All heavy atoms as atom14 arrays in JSON, in Angstrom:
{
  "sequence": "SGRDLRDVRLLVGSGGVLRYAGGGDAVAVLGAVLGDHAGG",
  "atom14_mask": [
    [1, 1, 1, 1, 1, 1, 0, 0, 0, 0, 0, 0, 0, 0],
    [1, 1, 1, 1, 0, 0, 0, 0, 0, 0, 0, 0, 0, 0],
    [1, 1, 1, 1, 1, 1, 1, 1, 1, 1, 1, 0, 0, 0],
    [1, 1, 1, 1, 1, 1, 1, 1, 0, 0, 0, 0, 0, 0],
    [1, 1, 1, 1, 1, 1, 1, 1, 0, 0, 0, 0, 0, 0],
    [1, 1, 1, 1, 1, 1, 1, 1, 1, 1, 1, 0, 0, 0],
    [1, 1, 1, 1, 1, 1, 1, 1, 0, 0, 0, 0, 0, 0],
    [1, 1, 1, 1, 1, 1, 1, 0, 0, 0, 0, 0, 0, 0],
    [1, 1, 1, 1, 1, 1, 1, 1, 1, 1, 1, 0, 0, 0],
    [1, 1, 1, 1, 1, 1, 1, 1, 0, 0, 0, 0, 0, 0],
    [1, 1, 1, 1, 1, 1, 1, 1, 0, 0, 0, 0, 0, 0],
    [1, 1, 1, 1, 1, 1, 1, 0, 0, 0, 0, 0, 0, 0],
    [1, 1, 1, 1, 0, 0, 0, 0, 0, 0, 0, 0, 0, 0],
    [1, 1, 1, 1, 1, 1, 0, 0, 0, 0, 0, 0, 0, 0],
    [1, 1, 1, 1, 0, 0, 0, 0, 0, 0, 0, 0, 0, 0],
    [1, 1, 1, 1, 0, 0, 0, 0, 0, 0, 0, 0, 0, 0],
    [1, 1, 1, 1, 1, 1, 1, 0, 0, 0, 0, 0, 0, 0],
    [1, 1, 1, 1, 1, 1, 1, 1, 0, 0, 0, 0, 0, 0],
    [1, 1, 1, 1, 1, 1, 1, 1, 1, 1, 1, 0, 0, 0],
    [1, 1, 1, 1, 1, 1, 1, 1, 1, 1, 1, 1, 0, 0],
    [1, 1, 1, 1, 1, 0, 0, 0, 0, 0, 0, 0, 0, 0],
    [1, 1, 1, 1, 0, 0, 0, 0, 0, 0, 0, 0, 0, 0],
    [1, 1, 1, 1, 0, 0, 0, 0, 0, 0, 0, 0, 0, 0],
    [1, 1, 1, 1, 0, 0, 0, 0, 0, 0, 0, 0, 0, 0],
    [1, 1, 1, 1, 1, 1, 1, 1, 0, 0, 0, 0, 0, 0],
    [1, 1, 1, 1, 1, 0, 0, 0, 0, 0, 0, 0, 0, 0],
    [1, 1, 1, 1, 1, 1, 1, 0, 0, 0, 0, 0, 0, 0],
    [1, 1, 1, 1, 1, 0, 0, 0, 0, 0, 0, 0, 0, 0],
    [1, 1, 1, 1, 1, 1, 1, 0, 0, 0, 0, 0, 0, 0],
    [1, 1, 1, 1, 1, 1, 1, 1, 0, 0, 0, 0, 0, 0],
    [1, 1, 1, 1, 0, 0, 0, 0, 0, 0, 0, 0, 0, 0],
    [1, 1, 1, 1, 1, 0, 0, 0, 0, 0, 0, 0, 0, 0],
    [1, 1, 1, 1, 1, 1, 1, 0, 0, 0, 0, 0, 0, 0],
    [1, 1, 1, 1, 1, 1, 1, 1, 0, 0, 0, 0, 0, 0],
    [1, 1, 1, 1, 0, 0, 0, 0, 0, 0, 0, 0, 0, 0],
    [1, 1, 1, 1, 1, 1, 1, 1, 0, 0, 0, 0, 0, 0],
    [1, 1, 1, 1, 1, 1, 1, 1, 1, 1, 0, 0, 0, 0],
    [1, 1, 1, 1, 1, 0, 0, 0, 0, 0, 0, 0, 0, 0],
    [1, 1, 1, 1, 0, 0, 0, 0, 0, 0, 0, 0, 0, 0],
    [1, 1, 1, 1, 0, 0, 0, 0, 0, 0, 0, 0, 0, 0]
  ],
  "atom14_positions": [
    [[14.94, -15.33, 4.21], [14.05, -14.75, 5.22], [13.19, -13.56, 4.75], [12.45, -13.07, 5.48], [14.8, -14.33, 6.41], [15.79, -13.41, 6.0], [0.0, 0.0, 0.0], [0.0, 0.0, 0.0], [0.0, 0.0, 0.0], [0.0, 0.0, 0.0], [0.0, 0.0, 0.0], [0.0, 0.0, 0.0], [0.0, 0.0, 0.0], [0.0, 0.0, 0.0]],
    [[13.24, -13.38, 3.31], [12.55, -12.26, 2.97], [13.05, -11.02, 3.42], [14.15, -10.78, 3.71], [0.0, 0.0, 0.0], [0.0, 0.0, 0.0], [0.0, 0.0, 0.0], [0.0, 0.0, 0.0], [0.0, 0.0, 0.0], [0.0, 0.0, 0.0], [0.0, 0.0, 0.0], [0.0, 0.0, 0.0], [0.0, 0.0, 0.0], [0.0, 0.0, 0.0]],
    [[12.17, -9.97, 3.29], [12.62, -8.61, 3.74], [11.81, -8.08, 4.87], [10.38, -8.22, 4.84], [12.48, -7.68, 2.64], [13.44, -7.97, 1.46], [13.33, -7.04, 0.32], [13.91, -5.64, 0.78], [15.29, -5.42, 0.93], [16.11, -6.32, 0.85], [15.72, -4.17, 1.22], [0.0, 0.0, 0.0], [0.0, 0.0, 0.0], [0.0, 0.0, 0.0]],
    [[12.42, -7.59, 6.07], [11.78, -7.24, 7.21], [11.11, -5.78, 7.06], [11.94, -4.74, 7.14], [12.66, -7.38, 8.35], [12.07, -7.09, 9.71], [10.78, -6.71, 9.79], [12.66, -7.39, 10.74], [0.0, 0.0, 0.0], [0.0, 0.0, 0.0], [0.0, 0.0, 0.0], [0.0, 0.0, 0.0], [0.0, 0.0, 0.0], [0.0, 0.0, 0.0]],
    [[9.92, -5.66, 6.89], [9.27, -4.38, 6.6], [8.56, -3.75, 7.8], [7.79, -2.82, 7.83], [8.19, -4.58, 5.41], [8.85, -5.09, 4.24], [7.73, -5.05, 3.07], [10.03, -4.33, 3.63], [0.0, 0.0, 0.0], [0.0, 0.0, 0.0], [0.0, 0.0, 0.0], [0.0, 0.0, 0.0], [0.0, 0.0, 0.0], [0.0, 0.0, 0.0]],
    [[8.79, -4.39, 8.98], [8.14, -3.87, 10.15], [8.28, -2.43, 10.58], [7.56, -1.81, 11.3], [8.45, -4.81, 11.45], [7.79, -6.18, 11.34], [8.24, -7.18, 12.41], [9.62, -7.47, 12.35], [10.35, -8.14, 13.19], [9.8, -8.7, 14.3], [11.67, -8.43, 13.04], [0.0, 0.0, 0.0], [0.0, 0.0, 0.0], [0.0, 0.0, 0.0]],
    [[9.58, -2.04, 10.32], [9.94, -0.6, 10.66], [9.64, 0.37, 9.59], [10.06, 1.6, 9.76], [11.48, -0.55, 11.07], [11.69, -1.36, 12.41], [10.82, -1.47, 13.17], [12.82, -1.91, 12.44], [0.0, 0.0, 0.0], [0.0, 0.0, 0.0], [0.0, 0.0, 0.0], [0.0, 0.0, 0.0], [0.0, 0.0, 0.0], [0.0, 0.0, 0.0]],
    [[9.02, 0.01, 8.5], [8.7, 0.92, 7.51], [7.79, 2.12, 8.03], [6.8, 1.85, 8.66], [7.93, 0.16, 6.34], [7.24, 1.18, 5.33], [8.86, -0.69, 5.56], [0.0, 0.0, 0.0], [0.0, 0.0, 0.0], [0.0, 0.0, 0.0], [0.0, 0.0, 0.0], [0.0, 0.0, 0.0], [0.0, 0.0, 0.0], [0.0, 0.0, 0.0]],
    [[8.32, 3.34, 7.75], [7.53, 4.47, 8.18], [6.52, 4.96, 7.12], [5.52, 5.73, 7.37], [8.5, 5.58, 8.57], [9.41, 5.21, 9.67], [10.25, 6.53, 10.06], [11.21, 6.18, 11.16], [11.99, 7.16, 11.71], [11.9, 8.31, 11.26], [12.81, 6.93, 12.66], [0.0, 0.0, 0.0], [0.0, 0.0, 0.0], [0.0, 0.0, 0.0]],
    [[6.9, 4.82, 5.87], [6.16, 5.46, 4.67], [5.87, 4.44, 3.64], [6.89, 3.75, 3.19], [6.88, 6.6, 4.17], [6.18, 7.58, 3.18], [4.98, 8.26, 3.81], [7.16, 8.55, 2.6], [0.0, 0.0, 0.0], [0.0, 0.0, 0.0], [0.0, 0.0, 0.0], [0.0, 0.0, 0.0], [0.0, 0.0, 0.0], [0.0, 0.0, 0.0]],
    [[4.66, 4.31, 3.18], [4.27, 3.5, 2.07], [3.89, 4.41, 0.92], [2.93, 5.26, 1.1], [3.16, 2.56, 2.35], [2.6, 1.74, 1.16], [3.58, 0.74, 0.54], [1.36, 0.93, 1.68], [0.0, 0.0, 0.0], [0.0, 0.0, 0.0], [0.0, 0.0, 0.0], [0.0, 0.0, 0.0], [0.0, 0.0, 0.0], [0.0, 0.0, 0.0]],
    [[4.59, 4.38, -0.19], [4.34, 5.41, -1.28], [3.67, 4.5, -2.48], [4.23, 3.58, -2.81], [5.64, 6.04, -1.84], [5.27, 7.0, -2.86], [6.26, 6.79, -0.71], [0.0, 0.0, 0.0], [0.0, 0.0, 0.0], [0.0, 0.0, 0.0], [0.0, 0.0, 0.0], [0.0, 0.0, 0.0], [0.0, 0.0, 0.0], [0.0, 0.0, 0.0]],
    [[2.51, 5.1, -2.87], [2.01, 4.37, -4.08], [2.19, 5.24, -5.31], [2.22, 6.44, -5.22], [0.0, 0.0, 0.0], [0.0, 0.0, 0.0], [0.0, 0.0, 0.0], [0.0, 0.0, 0.0], [0.0, 0.0, 0.0], [0.0, 0.0, 0.0], [0.0, 0.0, 0.0], [0.0, 0.0, 0.0], [0.0, 0.0, 0.0], [0.0, 0.0, 0.0]],
    [[2.42, 4.53, -6.45], [2.75, 5.19, -7.66], [2.09, 4.51, -8.85], [1.64, 3.29, -8.7], [4.28, 5.26, -7.87], [4.53, 6.05, -9.09], [0.0, 0.0, 0.0], [0.0, 0.0, 0.0], [0.0, 0.0, 0.0], [0.0, 0.0, 0.0], [0.0, 0.0, 0.0], [0.0, 0.0, 0.0], [0.0, 0.0, 0.0], [0.0, 0.0, 0.0]],
    [[2.09, 5.04, -10.05], [1.39, 4.45, -11.14], [0.25, 5.23, -11.59], [-0.55, 5.8, -10.78], [0.0, 0.0, 0.0], [0.0, 0.0, 0.0], [0.0, 0.0, 0.0], [0.0, 0.0, 0.0], [0.0, 0.0, 0.0], [0.0, 0.0, 0.0], [0.0, 0.0, 0.0], [0.0, 0.0, 0.0], [0.0, 0.0, 0.0], [0.0, 0.0, 0.0]],
    [[-0.1, 5.08, -12.92], [-1.19, 5.94, -13.55], [-2.54, 5.59, -12.82], [-3.35, 6.44, -12.71], [0.0, 0.0, 0.0], [0.0, 0.0, 0.0], [0.0, 0.0, 0.0], [0.0, 0.0, 0.0], [0.0, 0.0, 0.0], [0.0, 0.0, 0.0], [0.0, 0.0, 0.0], [0.0, 0.0, 0.0], [0.0, 0.0, 0.0], [0.0, 0.0, 0.0]],
    [[-2.77, 4.25, -12.48], [-4.02, 3.86, -12.03], [-4.22, 4.57, -10.62], [-5.5, 4.91, -10.33], [-4.2, 2.4, -11.75], [-3.19, 1.79, -10.73], [-5.62, 1.93, -11.59], [0.0, 0.0, 0.0], [0.0, 0.0, 0.0], [0.0, 0.0, 0.0], [0.0, 0.0, 0.0], [0.0, 0.0, 0.0], [0.0, 0.0, 0.0], [0.0, 0.0, 0.0]],
    [[-3.23, 4.81, -9.86], [-3.47, 5.58, -8.68], [-3.55, 7.06, -8.91], [-4.29, 7.72, -8.17], [-2.21, 5.39, -7.65], [-2.05, 3.87, -7.22], [-0.85, 3.82, -6.33], [-3.33, 3.32, -6.45], [0.0, 0.0, 0.0], [0.0, 0.0, 0.0], [0.0, 0.0, 0.0], [0.0, 0.0, 0.0], [0.0, 0.0, 0.0], [0.0, 0.0, 0.0]],
    [[-2.96, 7.53, -9.81], [-3.2, 8.92, -10.2], [-4.54, 9.34, -10.68], [-5.0, 10.31, -10.29], [-2.11, 9.23, -11.33], [-2.05, 10.75, -11.69], [-1.0, 11.09, -12.78], [-0.98, 12.48, -13.02], [-0.21, 12.99, -13.97], [0.57, 12.18, -14.78], [-0.13, 14.42, -14.09], [0.0, 0.0, 0.0], [0.0, 0.0, 0.0], [0.0, 0.0, 0.0]],
    [[-5.08, 8.34, -11.42], [-6.41, 8.65, -12.01], [-7.51, 8.27, -11.19], [-8.61, 8.53, -11.27], [-6.49, 8.03, -13.36], [-5.58, 8.67, -14.43], [-4.52, 8.01, -14.97], [-5.81, 10.01, -14.85], [-3.79, 8.59, -15.91], [-4.93, 10.62, -15.76], [-3.91, 9.93, -16.32], [-3.04, 10.49, -17.17], [0.0, 0.0, 0.0], [0.0, 0.0, 0.0]],
    [[-7.05, 7.42, -10.08], [-8.21, 6.76, -9.37], [-8.87, 7.83, -8.48], [-10.08, 7.73, -8.05], [-7.65, 5.57, -8.47], [0.0, 0.0, 0.0], [0.0, 0.0, 0.0], [0.0, 0.0, 0.0], [0.0, 0.0, 0.0], [0.0, 0.0, 0.0], [0.0, 0.0, 0.0], [0.0, 0.0, 0.0], [0.0, 0.0, 0.0], [0.0, 0.0, 0.0]],
    [[-8.2, 8.88, -8.08], [-8.72, 9.82, -7.05], [-8.39, 9.4, -5.67], [-8.07, 8.29, -5.45], [0.0, 0.0, 0.0], [0.0, 0.0, 0.0], [0.0, 0.0, 0.0], [0.0, 0.0, 0.0], [0.0, 0.0, 0.0], [0.0, 0.0, 0.0], [0.0, 0.0, 0.0], [0.0, 0.0, 0.0], [0.0, 0.0, 0.0], [0.0, 0.0, 0.0]],
    [[-8.55, 10.38, -4.79], [-8.13, 10.22, -3.36], [-8.63, 9.05, -2.68], [-7.88, 8.15, -2.14], [0.0, 0.0, 0.0], [0.0, 0.0, 0.0], [0.0, 0.0, 0.0], [0.0, 0.0, 0.0], [0.0, 0.0, 0.0], [0.0, 0.0, 0.0], [0.0, 0.0, 0.0], [0.0, 0.0, 0.0], [0.0, 0.0, 0.0], [0.0, 0.0, 0.0]],
    [[-9.92, 8.82, -2.73], [-10.47, 7.7, -1.88], [-10.06, 6.35, -2.43], [-9.54, 5.32, -1.69], [0.0, 0.0, 0.0], [0.0, 0.0, 0.0], [0.0, 0.0, 0.0], [0.0, 0.0, 0.0], [0.0, 0.0, 0.0], [0.0, 0.0, 0.0], [0.0, 0.0, 0.0], [0.0, 0.0, 0.0], [0.0, 0.0, 0.0], [0.0, 0.0, 0.0]],
    [[-10.07, 6.07, -3.74], [-9.72, 4.77, -4.35], [-8.29, 4.6, -4.14], [-7.83, 3.4, -3.84], [-10.1, 4.78, -5.73], [-11.54, 4.51, -5.96], [-12.29, 4.2, -5.01], [-12.1, 4.89, -7.08], [0.0, 0.0, 0.0], [0.0, 0.0, 0.0], [0.0, 0.0, 0.0], [0.0, 0.0, 0.0], [0.0, 0.0, 0.0], [0.0, 0.0, 0.0]],
    [[-7.43, 5.63, -4.3], [-6.01, 5.44, -4.14], [-5.59, 5.05, -2.76], [-4.71, 4.28, -2.38], [-5.25, 6.77, -4.5], [0.0, 0.0, 0.0], [0.0, 0.0, 0.0], [0.0, 0.0, 0.0], [0.0, 0.0, 0.0], [0.0, 0.0, 0.0], [0.0, 0.0, 0.0], [0.0, 0.0, 0.0], [0.0, 0.0, 0.0], [0.0, 0.0, 0.0]],
    [[-6.27, 5.65, -1.77], [-6.03, 5.45, -0.34], [-6.45, 3.94, -0.03], [-5.87, 3.24, 0.64], [-6.82, 6.37, 0.6], [-6.82, 5.83, 2.01], [-6.24, 7.7, 0.48], [0.0, 0.0, 0.0], [0.0, 0.0, 0.0], [0.0, 0.0, 0.0], [0.0, 0.0, 0.0], [0.0, 0.0, 0.0], [0.0, 0.0, 0.0], [0.0, 0.0, 0.0]],
    [[-7.55, 3.51, -0.69], [-8.03, 2.06, -0.51], [-6.98, 1.23, -1.04], [-6.88, -0.02, -0.42], [-9.35, 1.89, -1.28], [0.0, 0.0, 0.0], [0.0, 0.0, 0.0], [0.0, 0.0, 0.0], [0.0, 0.0, 0.0], [0.0, 0.0, 0.0], [0.0, 0.0, 0.0], [0.0, 0.0, 0.0], [0.0, 0.0, 0.0], [0.0, 0.0, 0.0]],
    [[-6.35, 1.41, -2.15], [-5.41, 0.45, -2.67], [-4.12, 0.23, -1.77], [-3.73, -0.82, -1.33], [-4.79, 1.05, -4.05], [-3.6, 0.29, -4.41], [-5.93, 0.96, -5.05], [0.0, 0.0, 0.0], [0.0, 0.0, 0.0], [0.0, 0.0, 0.0], [0.0, 0.0, 0.0], [0.0, 0.0, 0.0], [0.0, 0.0, 0.0], [0.0, 0.0, 0.0]],
    [[-3.64, 1.32, -1.28], [-2.57, 1.33, -0.15], [-3.09, 0.73, 1.19], [-2.31, 0.06, 1.83], [-2.0, 2.61, 0.03], [-1.37, 3.33, -1.23], [-0.81, 4.58, -0.96], [-0.3, 2.49, -1.91], [0.0, 0.0, 0.0], [0.0, 0.0, 0.0], [0.0, 0.0, 0.0], [0.0, 0.0, 0.0], [0.0, 0.0, 0.0], [0.0, 0.0, 0.0]],
    [[-4.4, 1.05, 1.49], [-4.86, 0.54, 2.8], [-4.96, -0.98, 2.68], [-4.81, -1.71, 3.62], [0.0, 0.0, 0.0], [0.0, 0.0, 0.0], [0.0, 0.0, 0.0], [0.0, 0.0, 0.0], [0.0, 0.0, 0.0], [0.0, 0.0, 0.0], [0.0, 0.0, 0.0], [0.0, 0.0, 0.0], [0.0, 0.0, 0.0], [0.0, 0.0, 0.0]],
    [[-5.13, -1.56, 1.44], [-5.14, -3.07, 1.34], [-3.91, -3.75, 1.76], [-3.79, -4.73, 2.26], [-5.59, -3.44, -0.17], [0.0, 0.0, 0.0], [0.0, 0.0, 0.0], [0.0, 0.0, 0.0], [0.0, 0.0, 0.0], [0.0, 0.0, 0.0], [0.0, 0.0, 0.0], [0.0, 0.0, 0.0], [0.0, 0.0, 0.0], [0.0, 0.0, 0.0]],
    [[-2.73, -2.88, 1.24], [-1.49, -3.43, 1.46], [-1.22, -3.44, 3.11], [-0.64, -4.45, 3.73], [-0.39, -2.66, 0.82], [1.01, -3.07, 1.26], [-0.57, -2.81, -0.8], [0.0, 0.0, 0.0], [0.0, 0.0, 0.0], [0.0, 0.0, 0.0], [0.0, 0.0, 0.0], [0.0, 0.0, 0.0], [0.0, 0.0, 0.0], [0.0, 0.0, 0.0]],
    [[-1.37, -2.23, 3.8], [-1.14, -2.12, 5.11], [-2.12, -3.04, 6.03], [-1.94, -3.15, 7.2], [-1.27, -0.69, 5.5], [-0.3, 0.2, 4.88], [-0.42, 1.68, 5.28], [1.25, -0.27, 5.45], [0.0, 0.0, 0.0], [0.0, 0.0, 0.0], [0.0, 0.0, 0.0], [0.0, 0.0, 0.0], [0.0, 0.0, 0.0], [0.0, 0.0, 0.0]],
    [[-3.16, -3.45, 5.39], [-4.19, -4.25, 6.16], [-4.07, -5.79, 5.92], [-5.06, -6.47, 6.15], [0.0, 0.0, 0.0], [0.0, 0.0, 0.0], [0.0, 0.0, 0.0], [0.0, 0.0, 0.0], [0.0, 0.0, 0.0], [0.0, 0.0, 0.0], [0.0, 0.0, 0.0], [0.0, 0.0, 0.0], [0.0, 0.0, 0.0], [0.0, 0.0, 0.0]],
    [[-3.07, -6.1, 5.24], [-2.81, -7.52, 4.76], [-2.46, -8.47, 5.93], [-1.29, -8.93, 5.85], [-1.88, -7.62, 3.47], [-1.86, -9.0, 2.89], [-2.81, -9.75, 3.03], [-0.7, -9.16, 2.41], [0.0, 0.0, 0.0], [0.0, 0.0, 0.0], [0.0, 0.0, 0.0], [0.0, 0.0, 0.0], [0.0, 0.0, 0.0], [0.0, 0.0, 0.0]],
    [[-3.36, -8.71, 6.93], [-2.97, -9.52, 7.95], [-2.78, -11.09, 7.61], [-2.19, -11.8, 8.49], [-4.05, -9.33, 9.08], [-3.93, -7.9, 9.57], [-3.15, -7.4, 10.41], [-4.85, -6.95, 9.31], [-3.32, -6.07, 10.68], [-4.48, -5.69, 10.07], [0.0, 0.0, 0.0], [0.0, 0.0, 0.0], [0.0, 0.0, 0.0], [0.0, 0.0, 0.0]],
    [[-3.29, -11.45, 6.54], [-3.28, -12.89, 6.3], [-2.15, -13.15, 5.26], [-2.09, -14.28, 4.57], [-4.59, -13.4, 5.74], [0.0, 0.0, 0.0], [0.0, 0.0, 0.0], [0.0, 0.0, 0.0], [0.0, 0.0, 0.0], [0.0, 0.0, 0.0], [0.0, 0.0, 0.0], [0.0, 0.0, 0.0], [0.0, 0.0, 0.0], [0.0, 0.0, 0.0]],
    [[-1.32, -12.32, 4.97], [-0.31, -12.34, 3.85], [0.96, -13.28, 4.24], [1.75, -13.37, 3.3], [0.0, 0.0, 0.0], [0.0, 0.0, 0.0], [0.0, 0.0, 0.0], [0.0, 0.0, 0.0], [0.0, 0.0, 0.0], [0.0, 0.0, 0.0], [0.0, 0.0, 0.0], [0.0, 0.0, 0.0], [0.0, 0.0, 0.0], [0.0, 0.0, 0.0]],
    [[1.16, -13.66, 5.5], [2.31, -14.38, 5.78], [3.56, -13.48, 5.98], [4.69, -14.01, 5.86], [0.0, 0.0, 0.0], [0.0, 0.0, 0.0], [0.0, 0.0, 0.0], [0.0, 0.0, 0.0], [0.0, 0.0, 0.0], [0.0, 0.0, 0.0], [0.0, 0.0, 0.0], [0.0, 0.0, 0.0], [0.0, 0.0, 0.0], [0.0, 0.0, 0.0]]
  ]
}
């Protein structure tokens, strides 16, 4: 059944690409995850 992530309160991004991307780009990376309505 996979993992039930509906009650997740906090999404943390890590990794050099997010560190060097800057605020707007890093937010967009995590926004893509939280906006993945077609992901099943």
